[in-house]
N, C-alpha and C. Protein backbone atom coordinates (compact mmCIF):
# COMPACT_ATOMS: atom_id res chain seq x y z
N MET A 1 -14.31 -3.41 8.69
CA MET A 1 -14.81 -2.02 8.24
C MET A 1 -13.75 -1.43 7.36
N LEU A 2 -14.09 -1.02 6.07
CA LEU A 2 -13.12 -0.42 5.15
C LEU A 2 -12.84 1.15 5.69
N VAL A 3 -11.77 1.38 5.59
CA VAL A 3 -11.40 2.92 5.85
C VAL A 3 -10.86 3.44 4.46
N LYS A 4 -11.36 4.64 4.00
CA LYS A 4 -10.99 5.12 2.58
C LYS A 4 -9.99 6.22 2.91
N ARG A 5 -8.97 6.27 2.25
CA ARG A 5 -8.15 7.54 2.29
C ARG A 5 -7.63 7.84 0.86
N SER A 6 -7.39 9.10 0.66
CA SER A 6 -7.27 9.66 -0.60
C SER A 6 -5.55 10.01 -0.54
N LEU A 7 -4.96 9.91 -1.73
CA LEU A 7 -3.52 10.07 -1.97
C LEU A 7 -3.20 10.37 -3.34
N SER A 8 -2.05 10.86 -3.68
CA SER A 8 -1.61 11.11 -5.06
C SER A 8 -0.75 10.13 -5.48
N LEU A 9 -0.81 9.43 -6.61
CA LEU A 9 0.14 8.48 -7.16
C LEU A 9 0.43 8.86 -8.62
N ALA A 10 1.67 8.99 -8.85
CA ALA A 10 2.15 9.44 -10.05
C ALA A 10 1.40 10.65 -10.69
N GLY A 11 1.22 11.55 -9.69
CA GLY A 11 0.53 12.98 -9.88
C GLY A 11 -1.02 13.03 -10.27
N HIS A 12 -1.47 11.77 -9.82
CA HIS A 12 -3.02 11.73 -9.93
C HIS A 12 -3.51 11.49 -8.59
N ARG A 13 -4.69 12.05 -8.19
CA ARG A 13 -5.44 11.74 -7.06
C ARG A 13 -6.30 10.49 -7.10
N THR A 14 -6.15 9.64 -6.17
CA THR A 14 -6.97 8.41 -6.00
C THR A 14 -7.43 8.18 -4.63
N SER A 15 -8.15 7.33 -4.56
CA SER A 15 -8.56 6.94 -3.19
C SER A 15 -8.50 5.25 -2.99
N LEU A 16 -8.18 4.84 -1.85
CA LEU A 16 -7.99 3.43 -1.53
C LEU A 16 -8.68 3.07 -0.30
N ALA A 17 -9.37 1.99 -0.38
CA ALA A 17 -10.09 1.70 0.65
C ALA A 17 -9.60 0.39 1.20
N LEU A 18 -9.18 0.28 2.39
CA LEU A 18 -8.61 -0.94 3.16
C LEU A 18 -9.12 -0.98 4.55
N GLU A 19 -8.86 -2.07 5.05
CA GLU A 19 -9.33 -2.42 6.49
C GLU A 19 -8.35 -1.67 7.49
N ALA A 20 -8.65 -1.31 8.57
CA ALA A 20 -7.83 -0.42 9.46
C ALA A 20 -6.47 -1.17 9.66
N GLU A 21 -6.38 -2.51 9.80
CA GLU A 21 -5.45 -3.39 10.23
C GLU A 21 -4.25 -3.06 9.10
N PHE A 22 -4.81 -3.15 7.78
CA PHE A 22 -3.83 -3.02 6.85
C PHE A 22 -3.34 -1.59 6.88
N TRP A 23 -4.12 -0.66 6.98
CA TRP A 23 -3.55 0.75 7.05
C TRP A 23 -2.45 0.87 8.14
N ASP A 24 -2.72 -0.05 9.33
CA ASP A 24 -1.89 0.37 10.34
C ASP A 24 -0.44 -0.30 9.70
N VAL A 25 -0.36 -1.52 9.28
CA VAL A 25 0.90 -2.08 8.80
C VAL A 25 1.66 -1.08 7.81
N LEU A 26 0.76 -0.55 6.86
CA LEU A 26 1.25 0.31 5.81
C LEU A 26 1.93 1.59 6.49
N ASP A 27 1.09 2.14 7.33
CA ASP A 27 1.58 3.41 8.17
C ASP A 27 2.90 3.08 8.72
N ARG A 28 3.05 2.06 9.53
CA ARG A 28 4.13 1.77 10.11
C ARG A 28 5.27 1.44 9.26
N ALA A 29 5.19 0.79 8.20
CA ALA A 29 6.13 0.57 7.30
C ALA A 29 6.61 1.81 6.49
N ALA A 30 5.77 2.59 6.39
CA ALA A 30 6.22 3.93 5.72
C ALA A 30 7.02 4.79 6.70
N GLU A 31 6.65 4.71 7.87
CA GLU A 31 7.31 5.45 8.98
C GLU A 31 8.99 4.89 9.09
N GLU A 32 8.83 3.49 9.11
CA GLU A 32 10.25 2.81 9.35
C GLU A 32 11.02 3.01 8.13
N LYS A 33 10.47 3.12 7.00
CA LYS A 33 11.38 3.51 5.63
C LYS A 33 11.59 4.86 5.34
N ARG A 34 11.01 5.83 6.42
CA ARG A 34 11.11 7.19 6.22
C ARG A 34 10.66 7.67 4.84
N LEU A 35 9.37 7.04 4.53
CA LEU A 35 8.66 7.31 3.33
C LEU A 35 7.24 7.93 3.73
N SER A 36 6.75 8.75 2.86
CA SER A 36 5.45 9.25 2.77
C SER A 36 4.61 7.92 2.53
N LEU A 37 3.24 7.89 3.09
CA LEU A 37 2.40 6.75 2.77
C LEU A 37 2.13 6.54 1.31
N ALA A 38 2.00 7.78 0.53
CA ALA A 38 1.85 7.83 -0.87
C ALA A 38 3.03 7.19 -1.60
N ALA A 39 4.14 7.59 -1.09
CA ALA A 39 5.44 7.10 -1.79
C ALA A 39 5.44 5.56 -1.56
N LEU A 40 5.12 4.92 -0.53
CA LEU A 40 5.18 3.63 -0.18
C LEU A 40 4.22 2.89 -1.05
N ILE A 41 2.99 3.43 -1.17
CA ILE A 41 2.04 2.63 -1.96
C ILE A 41 2.40 2.85 -3.40
N GLY A 42 2.97 4.08 -3.87
CA GLY A 42 3.53 4.16 -5.14
C GLY A 42 4.47 3.17 -5.48
N ARG A 43 5.40 2.84 -4.55
CA ARG A 43 6.41 1.86 -4.80
C ARG A 43 5.62 0.24 -5.03
N ILE A 44 4.58 0.10 -4.17
CA ILE A 44 3.76 -1.16 -4.25
C ILE A 44 3.16 -1.13 -5.52
N ASP A 45 2.59 0.02 -6.07
CA ASP A 45 1.99 0.08 -7.21
C ASP A 45 2.80 -0.33 -8.67
N GLU A 46 4.08 0.34 -8.39
CA GLU A 46 5.10 0.18 -9.41
C GLU A 46 5.41 -1.32 -9.51
N ALA A 47 5.88 -1.96 -8.35
CA ALA A 47 6.06 -3.20 -8.46
C ALA A 47 4.94 -4.21 -8.99
N ARG A 48 3.82 -3.94 -8.62
CA ARG A 48 2.60 -4.67 -9.07
C ARG A 48 2.51 -4.53 -10.76
N ILE A 49 2.81 -3.34 -11.28
CA ILE A 49 2.64 -3.14 -12.71
C ILE A 49 3.88 -3.69 -13.45
N GLU A 50 5.09 -3.59 -12.94
CA GLU A 50 6.26 -4.17 -13.43
C GLU A 50 6.05 -5.79 -13.55
N ALA A 51 5.54 -6.32 -12.51
CA ALA A 51 5.33 -7.76 -12.48
C ALA A 51 4.27 -8.30 -13.20
N GLY A 52 3.50 -7.33 -13.82
CA GLY A 52 2.46 -7.78 -14.69
C GLY A 52 1.19 -8.40 -13.87
N ASP A 53 1.17 -7.99 -12.58
CA ASP A 53 0.34 -8.64 -11.69
C ASP A 53 -1.10 -8.08 -11.97
N GLU A 54 -2.05 -8.93 -12.03
CA GLU A 54 -3.47 -8.49 -12.28
C GLU A 54 -4.15 -8.18 -11.05
N LEU A 55 -3.60 -7.93 -9.94
CA LEU A 55 -4.31 -7.67 -8.69
C LEU A 55 -4.55 -5.95 -8.89
N ASN A 56 -5.67 -5.73 -8.24
CA ASN A 56 -6.05 -4.24 -8.16
C ASN A 56 -5.09 -3.71 -6.94
N LEU A 57 -5.10 -2.45 -7.05
CA LEU A 57 -4.03 -1.67 -6.04
C LEU A 57 -4.49 -2.12 -4.61
N ALA A 58 -5.66 -2.08 -4.22
CA ALA A 58 -5.98 -2.46 -2.80
C ALA A 58 -5.55 -3.76 -2.58
N SER A 59 -5.86 -4.86 -3.52
CA SER A 59 -5.29 -6.16 -3.19
C SER A 59 -3.99 -6.20 -3.17
N ALA A 60 -3.26 -5.62 -3.93
CA ALA A 60 -1.70 -5.59 -3.88
C ALA A 60 -1.21 -5.08 -2.74
N CYS A 61 -1.95 -4.05 -2.11
CA CYS A 61 -1.43 -3.38 -0.72
C CYS A 61 -1.73 -4.38 0.45
N ARG A 62 -2.82 -5.14 0.29
CA ARG A 62 -3.13 -6.20 1.26
C ARG A 62 -2.10 -7.22 1.28
N VAL A 63 -1.84 -7.81 0.03
CA VAL A 63 -0.72 -9.01 0.05
C VAL A 63 0.54 -8.43 0.37
N TRP A 64 1.01 -7.07 0.13
CA TRP A 64 2.16 -6.68 0.64
C TRP A 64 2.22 -6.39 1.98
N ALA A 65 1.32 -6.07 2.60
CA ALA A 65 1.19 -5.83 4.18
C ALA A 65 1.19 -7.28 4.81
N LEU A 66 0.58 -8.20 4.20
CA LEU A 66 0.54 -9.76 4.69
C LEU A 66 1.95 -10.21 4.69
N LYS A 67 2.53 -10.17 3.54
CA LYS A 67 3.93 -10.53 3.45
C LYS A 67 4.97 -9.96 4.40
N ARG A 68 4.62 -8.58 4.70
CA ARG A 68 5.55 -7.91 5.63
C ARG A 68 5.35 -8.58 7.02
N VAL A 69 4.07 -8.69 7.31
CA VAL A 69 3.82 -9.29 8.73
C VAL A 69 4.43 -10.71 8.92
N GLN A 70 4.17 -11.49 7.83
CA GLN A 70 4.74 -12.85 7.73
C GLN A 70 6.08 -13.00 7.86
N SER A 71 6.94 -12.01 7.24
CA SER A 71 8.32 -12.03 7.29
C SER A 71 8.99 -11.57 8.62
N GLY A 72 8.20 -10.73 9.36
CA GLY A 72 8.62 -10.12 10.41
C GLY A 72 9.29 -8.83 10.40
N THR A 73 9.32 -8.28 9.20
CA THR A 73 10.09 -7.04 8.99
C THR A 73 9.09 -5.83 9.02
């Protein structure tokens, strides 16, 4: 089931819908990095854009969360 959250990225309000399990990984990572959730997602978004990645933001967040879990960090 998708959970929708609203946040500000680069000064613009947006909403992002992800499964609860992905939100859990992102929330934990933000806490560990001492960042707001919006700041962490902003970093994921910036990296996606810089890499020329064609994934949408939700997919980029899912891939980021999966890689984090796979790496054990």
